[in-house]
Amino acid sequence: MPSIDIYTSPLCGFCHAAKRLLTQKGVDFNEIDVWANPTRKPEMIQRANGGRTVPQIFIGDTHVGGCDEIYALERAGNLDPLLQA
């Protein structure tokens, strides 16, 4: 199973929704709180090719995007294969 990184902030409802989906899938993820650790935000922006909003989700080397994108993958049936890769 690939490693999963999700950049978040505590006041972000989209972050909570994305984490809830990953938790429902039963996968472990590494949460990086850019509110509590602002020095990690430039890392997030670089990895996300300029994406500045949270959440930013990475599954292995794949930049998924944000909450809307991970739920779109789920609806299309493409999230599980990505999580199993």
N, C-alpha and C. Protein backbone atom coordinates (compact mmCIF):
# COMPACT_ATOMS: atom_id res chain seq x y z
N MET A 1 0.85 -1.18 0.00
CA MET A 1 0.00 0.00 0.00
C MET A 1 0.89 1.24 0.00
N PRO A 2 0.59 2.19 -0.85
CA PRO A 2 1.42 3.40 -0.91
C PRO A 2 1.22 4.28 0.32
N SER A 3 2.21 5.11 0.60
CA SER A 3 2.05 6.06 1.70
C SER A 3 1.09 7.16 1.26
N ILE A 4 0.36 7.68 2.21
CA ILE A 4 -0.63 8.73 1.94
C ILE A 4 -0.29 9.92 2.82
N ASP A 5 -0.10 11.07 2.18
CA ASP A 5 0.13 12.33 2.89
C ASP A 5 -1.05 13.24 2.61
N ILE A 6 -1.56 13.88 3.65
CA ILE A 6 -2.62 14.86 3.49
C ILE A 6 -2.26 16.10 4.30
N TYR A 7 -2.14 17.21 3.58
CA TYR A 7 -1.85 18.51 4.21
C TYR A 7 -3.19 19.13 4.60
N THR A 8 -3.30 19.56 5.85
CA THR A 8 -4.57 20.03 6.38
C THR A 8 -4.40 21.27 7.24
N SER A 9 -5.54 21.78 7.67
CA SER A 9 -5.59 22.75 8.77
C SER A 9 -6.82 22.41 9.60
N PRO A 10 -6.81 22.72 10.89
CA PRO A 10 -7.86 22.24 11.79
C PRO A 10 -9.25 22.84 11.54
N LEU A 11 -9.32 24.00 10.92
CA LEU A 11 -10.61 24.67 10.72
C LEU A 11 -11.22 24.37 9.35
N CYS A 12 -10.64 23.45 8.61
CA CYS A 12 -11.04 23.17 7.23
C CYS A 12 -12.03 22.01 7.17
N GLY A 13 -13.27 22.30 6.83
CA GLY A 13 -14.28 21.26 6.69
C GLY A 13 -13.96 20.27 5.58
N PHE A 14 -13.35 20.76 4.50
CA PHE A 14 -12.97 19.87 3.40
C PHE A 14 -11.88 18.89 3.85
N CYS A 15 -10.99 19.35 4.71
CA CYS A 15 -9.95 18.48 5.26
C CYS A 15 -10.58 17.36 6.09
N HIS A 16 -11.55 17.72 6.92
CA HIS A 16 -12.22 16.74 7.76
C HIS A 16 -12.95 15.71 6.89
N ALA A 17 -13.59 16.17 5.81
CA ALA A 17 -14.31 15.25 4.93
C ALA A 17 -13.35 14.30 4.22
N ALA A 18 -12.22 14.80 3.76
CA ALA A 18 -11.24 13.95 3.07
C ALA A 18 -10.66 12.93 4.05
N LYS A 19 -10.34 13.36 5.26
CA LYS A 19 -9.81 12.43 6.26
C LYS A 19 -10.85 11.38 6.63
N ARG A 20 -12.11 11.78 6.69
CA ARG A 20 -13.19 10.84 7.01
C ARG A 20 -13.28 9.75 5.94
N LEU A 21 -13.17 10.13 4.67
CA LEU A 21 -13.21 9.15 3.59
C LEU A 21 -12.04 8.17 3.70
N LEU A 22 -10.85 8.69 3.93
CA LEU A 22 -9.68 7.81 4.06
C LEU A 22 -9.82 6.89 5.26
N THR A 23 -10.37 7.40 6.36
CA THR A 23 -10.58 6.59 7.55
C THR A 23 -11.60 5.49 7.26
N GLN A 24 -12.69 5.83 6.55
CA GLN A 24 -13.70 4.84 6.18
C GLN A 24 -13.10 3.75 5.29
N LYS A 25 -12.11 4.11 4.50
CA LYS A 25 -11.43 3.14 3.64
C LYS A 25 -10.47 2.25 4.44
N GLY A 26 -10.23 2.60 5.69
CA GLY A 26 -9.37 1.80 6.54
C GLY A 26 -7.89 1.94 6.24
N VAL A 27 -7.51 3.08 5.68
CA VAL A 27 -6.10 3.28 5.35
C VAL A 27 -5.46 4.27 6.34
N ASP A 28 -4.20 4.05 6.59
CA ASP A 28 -3.44 4.97 7.43
C ASP A 28 -2.94 6.12 6.56
N PHE A 29 -2.89 7.30 7.14
CA PHE A 29 -2.36 8.44 6.40
C PHE A 29 -1.55 9.31 7.34
N ASN A 30 -0.64 10.05 6.73
CA ASN A 30 0.22 10.98 7.45
C ASN A 30 -0.40 12.37 7.31
N GLU A 31 -0.92 12.91 8.39
CA GLU A 31 -1.52 14.25 8.36
C GLU A 31 -0.46 15.29 8.69
N ILE A 32 -0.35 16.28 7.81
CA ILE A 32 0.60 17.38 8.01
C ILE A 32 -0.23 18.65 8.18
N ASP A 33 -0.31 19.14 9.40
CA ASP A 33 -1.10 20.31 9.74
C ASP A 33 -0.28 21.56 9.44
N VAL A 34 -0.63 22.25 8.35
CA VAL A 34 0.14 23.44 7.96
C VAL A 34 -0.22 24.66 8.82
N TRP A 35 -1.27 24.55 9.60
CA TRP A 35 -1.61 25.62 10.55
C TRP A 35 -0.65 25.56 11.73
N ALA A 36 -0.47 24.35 12.26
CA ALA A 36 0.42 24.16 13.41
C ALA A 36 1.89 24.17 13.00
N ASN A 37 2.16 23.80 11.75
CA ASN A 37 3.53 23.73 11.23
C ASN A 37 3.64 24.54 9.94
N PRO A 38 3.57 25.88 10.05
CA PRO A 38 3.57 26.70 8.84
C PRO A 38 4.83 26.56 7.98
N THR A 39 5.90 26.05 8.55
CA THR A 39 7.11 25.85 7.74
C THR A 39 6.93 24.73 6.73
N ARG A 40 5.89 23.92 6.87
CA ARG A 40 5.62 22.83 5.93
C ARG A 40 4.79 23.29 4.73
N LYS A 41 4.21 24.49 4.81
CA LYS A 41 3.36 24.96 3.71
C LYS A 41 4.12 25.12 2.40
N PRO A 42 5.33 25.70 2.39
CA PRO A 42 6.06 25.77 1.11
C PRO A 42 6.31 24.40 0.49
N GLU A 43 6.57 23.40 1.33
CA GLU A 43 6.73 22.02 0.85
C GLU A 43 5.45 21.56 0.15
N MET A 44 4.30 21.83 0.78
CA MET A 44 3.02 21.46 0.20
C MET A 44 2.81 22.13 -1.14
N ILE A 45 3.08 23.42 -1.20
CA ILE A 45 2.87 24.18 -2.44
C ILE A 45 3.75 23.63 -3.55
N GLN A 46 4.98 23.31 -3.23
CA GLN A 46 5.89 22.75 -4.24
C GLN A 46 5.39 21.39 -4.70
N ARG A 47 5.05 20.52 -3.77
CA ARG A 47 4.58 19.18 -4.14
C ARG A 47 3.29 19.24 -4.93
N ALA A 48 2.44 20.23 -4.63
CA ALA A 48 1.14 20.36 -5.27
C ALA A 48 1.19 21.23 -6.53
N ASN A 49 2.39 21.47 -7.03
CA ASN A 49 2.55 22.28 -8.25
C ASN A 49 1.84 23.63 -8.15
N GLY A 50 2.01 24.28 -7.01
CA GLY A 50 1.45 25.60 -6.81
C GLY A 50 0.14 25.63 -6.04
N GLY A 51 -0.41 24.46 -5.71
CA GLY A 51 -1.66 24.42 -4.94
C GLY A 51 -1.45 24.99 -3.55
N ARG A 52 -2.27 25.96 -3.18
CA ARG A 52 -2.10 26.64 -1.91
C ARG A 52 -3.20 26.34 -0.90
N THR A 53 -4.27 25.70 -1.36
CA THR A 53 -5.39 25.44 -0.46
C THR A 53 -5.25 24.05 0.15
N VAL A 54 -5.89 23.86 1.31
CA VAL A 54 -5.92 22.54 1.93
C VAL A 54 -7.32 21.96 1.77
N PRO A 55 -7.45 20.67 1.72
CA PRO A 55 -6.38 19.69 1.79
C PRO A 55 -5.65 19.54 0.46
N GLN A 56 -4.43 19.09 0.54
CA GLN A 56 -3.68 18.60 -0.62
C GLN A 56 -3.34 17.16 -0.28
N ILE A 57 -3.73 16.25 -1.16
CA ILE A 57 -3.64 14.82 -0.86
C ILE A 57 -2.70 14.15 -1.86
N PHE A 58 -1.81 13.32 -1.32
CA PHE A 58 -0.85 12.57 -2.13
C PHE A 58 -0.96 11.11 -1.77
N ILE A 59 -1.13 10.28 -2.77
CA ILE A 59 -1.14 8.83 -2.58
C ILE A 59 0.07 8.30 -3.34
N GLY A 60 1.06 7.85 -2.58
CA GLY A 60 2.33 7.50 -3.20
C GLY A 60 2.90 8.73 -3.87
N ASP A 61 3.29 8.61 -5.12
CA ASP A 61 3.82 9.74 -5.88
C ASP A 61 2.74 10.52 -6.62
N THR A 62 1.49 10.10 -6.48
CA THR A 62 0.38 10.73 -7.20
C THR A 62 -0.23 11.86 -6.40
N HIS A 63 -0.27 13.05 -7.01
CA HIS A 63 -0.96 14.18 -6.39
C HIS A 63 -2.43 14.07 -6.76
N VAL A 64 -3.25 13.72 -5.78
CA VAL A 64 -4.68 13.55 -6.02
C VAL A 64 -5.35 14.90 -6.18
N GLY A 65 -4.96 15.88 -5.36
CA GLY A 65 -5.62 17.17 -5.34
C GLY A 65 -6.26 17.37 -3.99
N GLY A 66 -7.48 17.89 -4.01
CA GLY A 66 -8.16 18.19 -2.76
C GLY A 66 -9.33 17.26 -2.49
N CYS A 67 -10.24 17.73 -1.68
CA CYS A 67 -11.40 16.95 -1.25
C CYS A 67 -12.29 16.58 -2.44
N ASP A 68 -12.60 17.54 -3.29
CA ASP A 68 -13.46 17.25 -4.44
C ASP A 68 -12.85 16.17 -5.32
N GLU A 69 -11.55 16.23 -5.50
CA GLU A 69 -10.88 15.27 -6.38
C GLU A 69 -10.87 13.86 -5.79
N ILE A 70 -10.65 13.76 -4.48
CA ILE A 70 -10.62 12.40 -3.89
C ILE A 70 -12.02 11.79 -3.89
N TYR A 71 -13.05 12.61 -3.68
CA TYR A 71 -14.42 12.09 -3.74
C TYR A 71 -14.81 11.74 -5.17
N ALA A 72 -14.32 12.48 -6.16
CA ALA A 72 -14.56 12.15 -7.56
C ALA A 72 -13.92 10.81 -7.92
N LEU A 73 -12.70 10.59 -7.42
CA LEU A 73 -12.05 9.29 -7.63
C LEU A 73 -12.88 8.17 -7.02
N GLU A 74 -13.41 8.40 -5.84
CA GLU A 74 -14.24 7.39 -5.16
C GLU A 74 -15.50 7.09 -5.99
N ARG A 75 -16.19 8.14 -6.43
CA ARG A 75 -17.42 7.95 -7.21
C ARG A 75 -17.14 7.20 -8.52
N ALA A 76 -16.00 7.44 -9.12
CA ALA A 76 -15.64 6.81 -10.40
C ALA A 76 -15.09 5.39 -10.20
N GLY A 77 -14.91 4.98 -8.95
CA GLY A 77 -14.36 3.66 -8.68
C GLY A 77 -12.86 3.57 -8.85
N ASN A 78 -12.19 4.71 -8.86
CA ASN A 78 -10.76 4.73 -9.10
C ASN A 78 -9.91 4.93 -7.84
N LEU A 79 -10.55 5.16 -6.71
CA LEU A 79 -9.77 5.39 -5.48
C LEU A 79 -9.19 4.09 -4.93
N ASP A 80 -10.00 3.05 -4.86
CA ASP A 80 -9.51 1.78 -4.30
C ASP A 80 -8.28 1.25 -5.06
N PRO A 81 -8.30 1.22 -6.40
CA PRO A 81 -7.11 0.75 -7.10
C PRO A 81 -5.87 1.60 -6.79
N LEU A 82 -6.06 2.90 -6.66
CA LEU A 82 -4.94 3.79 -6.33
C LEU A 82 -4.40 3.48 -4.94
N LEU A 83 -5.31 3.20 -4.01
CA LEU A 83 -4.89 2.88 -2.64
C LEU A 83 -4.19 1.52 -2.57
N GLN A 84 -4.52 0.62 -3.49
CA GLN A 84 -3.93 -0.72 -3.48
C GLN A 84 -2.64 -0.81 -4.27
N ALA A 85 -2.33 0.21 -5.06
CA ALA A 85 -1.15 0.15 -5.94
C ALA A 85 0.12 -0.06 -5.18
